[in-house]
Every structure is written in C-alpha cells, then in structure tokens.
C-alpha cells in the first residue's frame, strides 16, 4: 500500500509504502526514478524496516520535528 510519494528532485521520488516480503510486513522507504515510458520504477536505494520498528521510526521523526522547531525558534538543541 502506497502511503506517500515525496518529490526528491525532478526525476526521482521517495516512495513510502507498506509491503509484504517473505511473509513479513515492511515499511519501505525507497527511491523511484521516472522512466522514459512515463512510469516510476524502483531503484535499489532505500531501506525496508520490519513493521514492528514503526514506533522507533516515529520517535526518530518526532525528534527531527522538535529539532526543526527549536532551530526555527533560535533555541537549537542537539538531537
């Protein structure tokens, strides 16, 4: 299931999806490139995490969010 496509540049996106491989549910963050036929195709560049690691990924994203908010306020702390 595709969750989101995030534009990386004019020729690539980062696709966030939940997929299954060898009976395991995975969170996939993978770079896809725009092929000449008009479709996007996956590259080998990316990471797949077992879905049980979602909480860890969310905590990391929350830390990045806090870092960005602090930086915008001028009260930057280390991560």
Protein backbone atom coordinates (compact mmCIF):
# COMPACT_ATOMS: atom_id res chain seq x y z
CA UNK A 1 0.00 0.00 0.00
CA UNK A 2 1.48 3.33 -1.07
CA UNK A 3 1.42 5.80 1.81
CA UNK A 4 3.11 8.81 0.17
CA UNK A 5 5.32 9.92 -2.69
CA UNK A 6 7.77 12.65 -1.71
CA UNK A 7 9.47 14.53 -4.53
CA UNK A 8 13.24 14.19 -4.24
CA UNK A 9 14.05 16.07 -7.45
CA UNK A 10 12.57 16.40 -10.96
CA UNK A 11 13.43 12.81 -11.86
CA UNK A 12 13.02 10.94 -8.55
CA UNK A 13 10.58 10.42 -5.72
CA UNK A 14 10.89 8.77 -2.33
CA UNK A 15 8.03 6.32 -2.03
CA UNK A 16 6.80 5.43 1.44
CA UNK A 17 4.80 2.23 1.47
CA UNK A 18 3.81 -0.78 3.50
CA UNK A 19 4.51 -4.02 1.68
CA UNK A 20 4.99 -7.72 2.33
CA UNK A 21 8.10 -9.78 1.60
CA UNK A 22 8.63 -13.42 2.60
CA UNK A 23 5.57 -13.24 4.83
CA UNK A 24 6.77 -10.14 6.73
CA UNK A 25 5.12 -6.73 6.66
CA UNK A 26 7.64 -4.00 5.91
CA UNK A 27 7.85 -0.23 5.93
CA UNK A 28 9.60 0.65 2.68
CA UNK A 29 11.33 3.97 2.01
CA UNK A 30 12.74 3.67 -1.49
CA UNK A 31 13.90 5.97 -4.27
CA UNK A 32 11.95 5.57 -7.50
CA UNK A 33 13.03 7.13 -10.81
CA UNK A 34 10.93 8.49 -13.64
CA UNK A 35 11.30 6.09 -16.59
CA UNK A 36 11.07 7.21 -20.22
CA UNK A 37 7.74 5.36 -20.55
CA UNK A 38 6.22 7.79 -18.03
CA UNK A 39 6.05 5.40 -15.07
CA UNK A 40 8.14 5.39 -11.93
CA UNK A 41 10.38 2.40 -11.28
CA UNK A 42 12.15 1.43 -8.04
CA UNK A 43 15.88 1.67 -7.52
CA UNK A 44 17.94 -0.42 -5.11
CA UNK A 45 18.46 2.67 -2.96
CA UNK A 46 16.28 2.61 0.10
CA UNK A 47 15.52 0.90 3.34
CA UNK A 48 12.96 -1.64 4.46
CA UNK A 49 12.08 -1.92 8.15
CA UNK A 50 10.02 -4.60 9.82
CA UNK A 51 6.69 -3.02 10.66
CA UNK A 52 7.37 -3.75 14.35
CA UNK A 53 10.01 -0.94 14.16
CA UNK A 54 7.38 1.71 13.37
CA UNK A 55 7.41 3.08 16.92
CA UNK A 56 11.20 3.57 16.74
CA UNK A 57 10.88 5.29 13.34
CA UNK A 58 8.11 7.56 14.63
CA UNK A 59 10.19 8.53 17.68
CA UNK A 60 13.08 9.43 15.39
CA UNK A 61 10.79 11.55 13.19
CA UNK A 62 9.39 13.28 16.30
CA UNK A 63 12.96 14.14 17.36
CA UNK A 64 13.64 15.62 13.92
CA UNK A 65 10.43 17.65 14.22
CA UNK A 66 11.49 19.01 17.61
CA UNK A 67 14.95 19.84 16.25
CA UNK A 68 13.45 21.79 13.33
CA UNK A 69 11.03 23.66 15.63
CA UNK A 70 13.87 24.59 18.00
CA UNK A 71 16.04 25.71 15.10
CA UNK A 72 13.26 27.94 13.75
CA UNK A 73 12.81 29.48 17.21
CA UNK A 74 16.56 30.01 17.57
CA UNK A 75 16.75 27.68 20.56
CA UNK A 76 18.57 24.87 18.78
CA UNK A 77 19.45 21.92 20.97
CA UNK A 78 21.35 18.83 19.98
CA UNK A 79 19.39 15.78 18.95
